[in-house]
Amino acid sequence: MGAFDGAECCDLVGLFLLSQMQHLNIAIGLYRDDCLAMSSLTKRQNQLVLNELHKIYNRNGLKIPGAEANRKVVDFLNVTLDLNSGSFRTYAKEGDTLAYVNRDSNHPPSITRNLPKGINRLLSDTNSTEELFEASAPPYQKALDEAGYKHKLSYQPRAEEEQVGASGKNRKRKVTWFNPPFSSNCTTNIPKVFMAIIAECFPPGHIPVSYTHLTLPT
């Protein structure tokens, strides 16, 4: 990890390892270098499965430091899962400092407008009850306040039909989107200039025989 293609390499290695675990009688998932497995086996059987996992990793020149079997509560990614109570809540590593882009920073308005809503959605989705949400929200609310946002975080559980997802089909349109980089300091109408270049280089009915690299004015 750390290289430009580190995440992609990690995904490929993870898929390769998962292919060697298919014979194990457990449900197992992997996100980058974080792995979580769930089973209804006995404690002894779970320990034997963990031993087999160690063998699989060792055969591939890898190790699983800190792996444990038979845990009822586990921190995975940004969620704490609790099988004892059947609940889940937001998890953050000790010492982590939350910081968000300032509301008045030079970012696209769509970013600063939707950032508080995204944080609200994240907290609502990673807490199974309003009580757990309220317990997790204070540091996130503090970070939003310090960044200049006026949004008040509130628990918003997803509707059942929203969790399942829409069943409609996505229509494919023959559209090429042009998204110029945003800067509030830029006074040039870049989309207008870009469309003028397109109109000049590719008039109606034009059949291109080669491609031209264009650099937009700033």
C-alpha atoms as a PDB file:
ATOM      1  CA  MET A   1       0.000   0.000   0.000  1.00  0.00           C
ATOM      2  CA  GLY A   2       1.096   3.574  -0.573  1.00  0.00           C
ATOM      3  CA  ALA A   3       1.996   3.268  -4.256  1.00  0.00           C
ATOM      4  CA  PHE A   4      -0.176   4.887  -6.924  1.00  0.00           C
ATOM      5  CA  ASP A   5      -1.642   1.477  -7.775  1.00  0.00           C
ATOM      6  CA  GLY A   6      -1.570   0.186  -4.174  1.00  0.00           C
ATOM      7  CA  ALA A   7      -5.360  -0.004  -3.763  1.00  0.00           C
ATOM      8  CA  GLU A   8      -5.815  -1.861  -7.046  1.00  0.00           C
ATOM      9  CA  CYS A   9      -3.069  -4.362  -6.171  1.00  0.00           C
ATOM     10  CA  CYS A  10      -4.626  -4.877  -2.743  1.00  0.00           C
ATOM     11  CA  ASP A  11      -8.018  -5.620  -4.339  1.00  0.00           C
ATOM     12  CA  LEU A  12      -6.500  -8.180  -6.721  1.00  0.00           C
ATOM     13  CA  VAL A  13      -4.591  -9.923  -3.933  1.00  0.00           C
ATOM     14  CA  GLY A  14      -7.736  -9.948  -1.805  1.00  0.00           C
ATOM     15  CA  LEU A  15      -9.822 -11.553  -4.560  1.00  0.00           C
ATOM     16  CA  PHE A  16      -7.120 -14.175  -5.085  1.00  0.00           C
ATOM     17  CA  LEU A  17      -7.098 -15.017  -1.366  1.00  0.00           C
ATOM     18  CA  LEU A  18     -10.897 -15.162  -1.204  1.00  0.00           C
ATOM     19  CA  SER A  19     -10.877 -17.685  -4.040  1.00  0.00           C
ATOM     20  CA  GLN A  20      -8.807 -19.984  -1.802  1.00  0.00           C
ATOM     21  CA  MET A  21     -11.248 -19.672   1.105  1.00  0.00           C
ATOM     22  CA  GLN A  22     -14.367 -20.895  -0.666  1.00  0.00           C
ATOM     23  CA  HIS A  23     -14.209 -24.330   0.990  1.00  0.00           C
ATOM     24  CA  LEU A  24     -14.451 -22.808   4.493  1.00  0.00           C
ATOM     25  CA  ASN A  25     -17.885 -22.964   6.083  1.00  0.00           C
ATOM     26  CA  ILE A  26     -18.065 -19.244   6.880  1.00  0.00           C
ATOM     27  CA  ALA A  27     -19.297 -15.968   5.374  1.00  0.00           C
ATOM     28  CA  ILE A  28     -16.237 -13.820   4.742  1.00  0.00           C
ATOM     29  CA  GLY A  29     -15.755 -10.378   3.271  1.00  0.00           C
ATOM     30  CA  LEU A  30     -12.723  -8.285   2.443  1.00  0.00           C
ATOM     31  CA  TYR A  31     -12.289  -4.554   1.902  1.00  0.00           C
ATOM     32  CA  ARG A  32      -8.736  -3.722   0.871  1.00  0.00           C
ATOM     33  CA  ASP A  33      -6.664  -5.022   3.790  1.00  0.00           C
ATOM     34  CA  ASP A  34      -9.548  -5.332   6.283  1.00  0.00           C
ATOM     35  CA  CYS A  35     -11.183  -8.753   6.553  1.00  0.00           C
ATOM     36  CA  LEU A  36     -14.254  -9.865   8.516  1.00  0.00           C
ATOM     37  CA  ALA A  37     -15.801 -13.325   8.764  1.00  0.00           C
ATOM     38  CA  MET A  38     -19.042 -14.520  10.346  1.00  0.00           C
ATOM     39  CA  SER A  39     -20.116 -18.043  11.199  1.00  0.00           C
ATOM     40  CA  SER A  40     -22.529 -20.113  13.257  1.00  0.00           C
ATOM     41  CA  LEU A  41     -19.908 -22.771  14.066  1.00  0.00           C
ATOM     42  CA  THR A  42     -18.804 -23.809  17.539  1.00  0.00           C
ATOM     43  CA  LYS A  43     -15.912 -22.034  19.222  1.00  0.00           C
ATOM     44  CA  ARG A  44     -13.613 -24.980  18.524  1.00  0.00           C
ATOM     45  CA  GLN A  45     -14.626 -25.067  14.857  1.00  0.00           C
ATOM     46  CA  ASN A  46     -14.087 -21.338  14.522  1.00  0.00           C
ATOM     47  CA  GLN A  47     -10.583 -21.678  15.891  1.00  0.00           C
ATOM     48  CA  LEU A  48      -9.831 -24.456  13.393  1.00  0.00           C
ATOM     49  CA  VAL A  49     -11.081 -22.197  10.581  1.00  0.00           C
ATOM     50  CA  LEU A  50      -8.776 -19.410  11.795  1.00  0.00           C
ATOM     51  CA  ASN A  51      -5.853 -21.861  11.780  1.00  0.00           C
ATOM     52  CA  GLU A  52      -6.706 -22.731   8.159  1.00  0.00           C
ATOM     53  CA  LEU A  53      -6.794 -19.039   7.279  1.00  0.00           C
ATOM     54  CA  HIS A  54      -3.306 -18.626   8.707  1.00  0.00           C
ATOM     55  CA  LYS A  55      -2.128 -21.513   6.491  1.00  0.00           C
ATOM     56  CA  ILE A  56      -3.679 -19.952   3.389  1.00  0.00           C
ATOM     57  CA  TYR A  57      -1.980 -16.631   4.075  1.00  0.00           C
ATOM     58  CA  ASN A  58       1.341 -18.287   4.906  1.00  0.00           C
ATOM     59  CA  ARG A  59       1.298 -20.250   1.631  1.00  0.00           C
ATOM     60  CA  ASN A  60       1.112 -16.915  -0.156  1.00  0.00           C
ATOM     61  CA  GLY A  61       3.892 -15.303   1.861  1.00  0.00           C
ATOM     62  CA  LEU A  62       1.500 -13.263   4.021  1.00  0.00           C
ATOM     63  CA  LYS A  63       0.496 -13.073   7.682  1.00  0.00           C
ATOM     64  CA  ILE A  64      -2.667 -12.117   9.591  1.00  0.00           C
ATOM     65  CA  PRO A  65      -1.445 -10.182  12.651  1.00  0.00           C
ATOM     66  CA  GLY A  66      -3.989  -9.704  15.409  1.00  0.00           C
ATOM     67  CA  ALA A  67      -6.570 -12.140  13.992  1.00  0.00           C
ATOM     68  CA  GLU A  68      -9.026 -13.454  16.597  1.00  0.00           C
ATOM     69  CA  ALA A  69     -11.845 -15.998  16.539  1.00  0.00           C
ATOM     70  CA  ASN A  70     -15.132 -16.099  18.490  1.00  0.00           C
ATOM     71  CA  ARG A  71     -15.473 -12.357  19.005  1.00  0.00           C
ATOM     72  CA  LYS A  72     -18.965 -10.975  19.670  1.00  0.00           C
ATOM     73  CA  VAL A  73     -18.037  -7.303  19.254  1.00  0.00           C
ATOM     74  CA  VAL A  74     -15.750  -6.115  16.469  1.00  0.00           C
ATOM     75  CA  ASP A  75     -14.618  -2.822  14.926  1.00  0.00           C
ATOM     76  CA  PHE A  76     -14.703  -3.063  11.132  1.00  0.00           C
ATOM     77  CA  LEU A  77     -13.903  -0.046   8.971  1.00  0.00           C
ATOM     78  CA  ASN A  78     -15.972   2.779  10.529  1.00  0.00           C
ATOM     79  CA  VAL A  79     -18.568   0.631  12.314  1.00  0.00           C
ATOM     80  CA  THR A  80     -18.627  -1.297  15.602  1.00  0.00           C
ATOM     81  CA  LEU A  81     -20.740  -4.456  15.235  1.00  0.00           C
ATOM     82  CA  ASP A  82     -22.229  -6.048  18.350  1.00  0.00           C
ATOM     83  CA  LEU A  83     -23.718  -9.544  18.079  1.00  0.00           C
ATOM     84  CA  ASN A  84     -24.708  -9.518  21.752  1.00  0.00           C
ATOM     85  CA  SER A  85     -27.250  -6.724  21.289  1.00  0.00           C
ATOM     86  CA  GLY A  86     -27.701  -6.976  17.525  1.00  0.00           C
ATOM     87  CA  SER A  87     -26.728  -3.310  17.210  1.00  0.00           C
ATOM     88  CA  PHE A  88     -24.095  -1.285  15.389  1.00  0.00           C
ATOM     89  CA  ARG A  89     -22.621   2.170  15.916  1.00  0.00           C
ATOM     90  CA  THR A  90     -20.102   4.549  14.399  1.00  0.00           C
ATOM     91  CA  TYR A  91     -16.472   3.677  15.128  1.00  0.00           C
ATOM     92  CA  ALA A  92     -13.497   6.041  15.071  1.00  0.00           C
ATOM     93  CA  LYS A  93      -9.927   5.237  16.008  1.00  0.00           C
ATOM     94  CA  GLU A  94      -8.704   6.761  19.237  1.00  0.00           C
ATOM     95  CA  GLY A  95      -6.862   9.988  18.578  1.00  0.00           C
ATOM     96  CA  ASP A  96      -8.449  10.628  15.173  1.00  0.00           C
ATOM     97  CA  THR A  97      -9.122  14.319  14.528  1.00  0.00           C
ATOM     98  CA  LEU A  98     -12.082  15.288  12.363  1.00  0.00           C
ATOM     99  CA  ALA A  99     -11.639  18.227   9.978  1.00  0.00           C
ATOM    100  CA  TYR A 100     -13.770  19.315   7.026  1.00  0.00           C
ATOM    101  CA  VAL A 101     -13.223  21.887   4.276  1.00  0.00           C
ATOM    102  CA  ASN A 102     -14.359  25.319   5.376  1.00  0.00           C
ATOM    103  CA  ARG A 103     -17.752  26.488   4.176  1.00  0.00           C
ATOM    104  CA  ASP A 104     -16.114  29.570   2.612  1.00  0.00           C
ATOM    105  CA  SER A 105     -13.250  27.670   0.959  1.00  0.00           C
ATOM    106  CA  ASN A 106     -12.610  27.673  -2.789  1.00  0.00           C
ATOM    107  CA  HIS A 107     -14.565  24.499  -3.522  1.00  0.00           C
ATOM    108  CA  PRO A 108     -17.523  23.935  -5.842  1.00  0.00           C
ATOM    109  CA  PRO A 109     -20.738  25.087  -4.131  1.00  0.00           C
ATOM    110  CA  SER A 110     -22.198  21.601  -4.631  1.00  0.00           C
ATOM    111  CA  ILE A 111     -19.421  20.212  -2.405  1.00  0.00           C
ATOM    112  CA  THR A 112     -19.835  22.601   0.506  1.00  0.00           C
ATOM    113  CA  ARG A 113     -23.629  22.478   0.192  1.00  0.00           C
ATOM    114  CA  ASN A 114     -23.830  18.690   0.369  1.00  0.00           C
ATOM    115  CA  LEU A 115     -20.983  17.957   2.798  1.00  0.00           C
ATOM    116  CA  PRO A 116     -23.097  18.340   5.988  1.00  0.00           C
ATOM    117  CA  LYS A 117     -25.867  16.233   4.439  1.00  0.00           C
ATOM    118  CA  GLY A 118     -23.318  13.533   3.617  1.00  0.00           C
ATOM    119  CA  ILE A 119     -22.001  13.491   7.189  1.00  0.00           C
ATOM    120  CA  ASN A 120     -25.576  13.279   8.460  1.00  0.00           C
ATOM    121  CA  ARG A 121     -26.288  10.348   6.123  1.00  0.00           C
ATOM    122  CA  LEU A 122     -23.071   8.583   7.171  1.00  0.00           C
ATOM    123  CA  LEU A 123     -23.897   8.818  10.878  1.00  0.00           C
ATOM    124  CA  SER A 124     -27.508   7.749  10.337  1.00  0.00           C
ATOM    125  CA  ASP A 125     -26.400   4.707   8.343  1.00  0.00           C
ATOM    126  CA  THR A 126     -23.707   3.625  10.815  1.00  0.00           C
ATOM    127  CA  ASN A 127     -25.893   3.770  13.931  1.00  0.00           C
ATOM    128  CA  SER A 128     -28.764   1.350  14.441  1.00  0.00           C
ATOM    129  CA  THR A 129     -30.709   3.567  16.884  1.00  0.00           C
ATOM    130  CA  GLU A 130     -31.232   7.255  17.554  1.00  0.00           C
ATOM    131  CA  GLU A 131     -29.605   6.856  20.979  1.00  0.00           C
ATOM    132  CA  LEU A 132     -26.395   5.514  19.425  1.00  0.00           C
ATOM    133  CA  PHE A 133     -26.540   8.297  16.818  1.00  0.00           C
ATOM    134  CA  GLU A 134     -26.744  10.963  19.517  1.00  0.00           C
ATOM    135  CA  ALA A 135     -23.791   9.374  21.318  1.00  0.00           C
ATOM    136  CA  SER A 136     -21.666   9.360  18.141  1.00  0.00           C
ATOM    137  CA  ALA A 137     -22.621  12.785  16.740  1.00  0.00           C
ATOM    138  CA  PRO A 138     -20.858  15.346  19.049  1.00  0.00           C
ATOM    139  CA  PRO A 139     -17.331  15.211  17.510  1.00  0.00           C
ATOM    140  CA  TYR A 140     -18.815  15.375  13.994  1.00  0.00           C
ATOM    141  CA  GLN A 141     -21.071  18.287  14.976  1.00  0.00           C
ATOM    142  CA  LYS A 142     -18.075  20.086  16.503  1.00  0.00           C
ATOM    143  CA  ALA A 143     -16.016  19.622  13.316  1.00  0.00           C
ATOM    144  CA  LEU A 144     -18.879  20.959  11.162  1.00  0.00           C
ATOM    145  CA  ASP A 145     -19.330  23.977  13.449  1.00  0.00           C
ATOM    146  CA  GLU A 146     -15.603  24.767  13.316  1.00  0.00           C
ATOM    147  CA  ALA A 147     -15.721  24.596   9.502  1.00  0.00           C
ATOM    148  CA  GLY A 148     -18.458  27.222   9.403  1.00  0.00           C
ATOM    149  CA  TYR A 149     -21.495  25.033   8.687  1.00  0.00           C
ATOM    150  CA  LYS A 150     -24.861  25.758  10.330  1.00  0.00           C
ATOM    151  CA  HIS A 151     -26.236  22.250   9.852  1.00  0.00           C
ATOM    152  CA  LYS A 152     -27.642  20.487  12.918  1.00  0.00           C
ATOM    153  CA  LEU A 153     -27.065  16.735  12.775  1.00  0.00           C
ATOM    154  CA  SER A 154     -30.212  14.653  13.301  1.00  0.00           C
ATOM    155  CA  TYR A 155     -31.000  10.947  13.047  1.00  0.00           C
ATOM    156  CA  GLN A 156     -32.581  10.047   9.698  1.00  0.00           C
ATOM    157  CA  PRO A 157     -33.073   6.282   9.263  1.00  0.00           C
ATOM    158  CA  ARG A 158     -33.562   5.108   5.695  1.00  0.00           C
ATOM    159  CA  ALA A 159     -36.992   3.977   4.595  1.00  0.00           C
ATOM    160  CA  GLU A 160     -37.186   0.245   3.855  1.00  0.00           C
ATOM    161  CA  GLU A 161     -37.843   0.808   0.151  1.00  0.00           C
ATOM    162  CA  GLU A 162     -34.868   3.204  -0.014  1.00  0.00           C
ATOM    163  CA  GLN A 163     -32.592   0.562   1.528  1.00  0.00           C
ATOM    164  CA  VAL A 164     -33.606  -1.986  -1.104  1.00  0.00           C
ATOM    165  CA  GLY A 165     -32.953   0.509  -3.889  1.00  0.00           C
ATOM    166  CA  ALA A 166     -34.836   1.633  -6.931  1.00  0.00           C
ATOM    167  CA  SER A 167     -35.734  -1.013  -9.495  1.00  0.00           C
ATOM    168  CA  GLY A 168     -35.989   1.335 -12.481  1.00  0.00           C
ATOM    169  CA  LYS A 169     -33.697   0.893 -15.460  1.00  0.00           C
ATOM    170  CA  ASN A 170     -31.022   3.451 -16.216  1.00  0.00           C
ATOM    171  CA  ARG A 171     -31.350   4.870 -19.688  1.00  0.00           C
ATOM    172  CA  LYS A 172     -28.132   5.291 -21.639  1.00  0.00           C
ATOM    173  CA  ARG A 173     -27.817   8.544 -23.534  1.00  0.00           C
ATOM    174  CA  LYS A 174     -25.193   9.442 -26.101  1.00  0.00           C
ATOM    175  CA  VAL A 175     -23.927  12.388 -24.108  1.00  0.00           C
ATOM    176  CA  THR A 176     -20.360  13.476 -23.407  1.00  0.00           C
ATOM    177  CA  TRP A 177     -20.097  15.532 -20.219  1.00  0.00           C
ATOM    178  CA  PHE A 178     -17.565  18.338 -19.870  1.00  0.00           C
ATOM    179  CA  ASN A 179     -16.781  19.253 -16.248  1.00  0.00           C
ATOM    180  CA  PRO A 180     -14.200  22.068 -16.100  1.00  0.00           C
ATOM    181  CA  PRO A 181     -12.200  22.408 -12.858  1.00  0.00           C
ATOM    182  CA  PHE A 182     -13.896  24.774 -10.429  1.00  0.00           C
ATOM    183  CA  SER A 183     -12.316  27.910  -9.007  1.00  0.00           C
ATOM    184  CA  SER A 184     -14.151  30.892  -7.582  1.00  0.00           C
ATOM    185  CA  ASN A 185     -11.154  33.028  -8.629  1.00  0.00           C
ATOM    186  CA  CYS A 186     -11.680  32.260 -12.320  1.00  0.00           C
ATOM    187  CA  THR A 187     -13.630  34.906 -14.250  1.00  0.00           C
ATOM    188  CA  THR A 188     -13.346  33.290 -17.690  1.00  0.00           C
ATOM    189  CA  ASN A 189     -16.483  31.577 -18.969  1.00  0.00           C
ATOM    190  CA  ILE A 190     -14.663  28.310 -19.631  1.00  0.00           C
ATOM    191  CA  PRO A 191     -17.698  26.319 -20.881  1.00  0.00           C
ATOM    192  CA  LYS A 192     -18.453  29.061 -23.439  1.00  0.00           C
ATOM    193  CA  VAL A 193     -14.838  29.141 -24.640  1.00  0.00           C
ATOM    194  CA  PHE A 194     -14.732  25.353 -24.800  1.00  0.00           C
ATOM    195  CA  MET A 195     -17.939  25.116 -26.855  1.00  0.00           C
ATOM    196  CA  ALA A 196     -16.602  27.786 -29.224  1.00  0.00           C
ATOM    197  CA  ILE A 197     -13.478  25.678 -29.785  1.00  0.00           C
ATOM    198  CA  ILE A 198     -15.603  22.593 -30.440  1.00  0.00           C
ATOM    199  CA  ALA A 199     -17.809  24.484 -32.903  1.00  0.00           C
ATOM    200  CA  GLU A 200     -14.757  25.813 -34.761  1.00  0.00           C
ATOM    201  CA  CYS A 201     -12.847  22.533 -34.916  1.00  0.00           C
ATOM    202  CA  PHE A 202     -15.809  20.212 -35.425  1.00  0.00           C
ATOM    203  CA  PRO A 203     -18.554  21.943 -37.460  1.00  0.00           C
ATOM    204  CA  PRO A 204     -21.830  20.077 -38.147  1.00  0.00           C
ATOM    205  CA  GLY A 205     -21.294  17.151 -40.503  1.00  0.00           C
ATOM    206  CA  HIS A 206     -17.566  17.044 -39.863  1.00  0.00           C
ATOM    207  CA  ILE A 207     -15.962  13.583 -39.994  1.00  0.00           C
ATOM    208  CA  PRO A 208     -12.701  13.653 -37.974  1.00  0.00           C
ATOM    209  CA  VAL A 209      -9.630  12.048 -39.527  1.00  0.00           C
ATOM    210  CA  SER A 210      -7.361  12.787 -36.573  1.00  0.00           C
ATOM    211  CA  TYR A 211      -7.482  14.051 -33.022  1.00  0.00           C
ATOM    212  CA  THR A 212      -6.174  17.380 -31.740  1.00  0.00           C
ATOM    213  CA  HIS A 213      -5.045  17.977 -28.189  1.00  0.00           C
ATOM    214  CA  LEU A 214      -6.579  21.212 -26.879  1.00  0.00           C
ATOM    215  CA  THR A 215      -5.437  23.260 -23.919  1.00  0.00           C
ATOM    216  CA  LEU A 216      -8.095  25.520 -22.486  1.00  0.00           C
ATOM    217  CA  PRO A 217      -7.225  29.097 -21.531  1.00  0.00           C
ATOM    218  CA  THR A 218      -7.148  29.873 -17.811  1.00  0.00           C
END
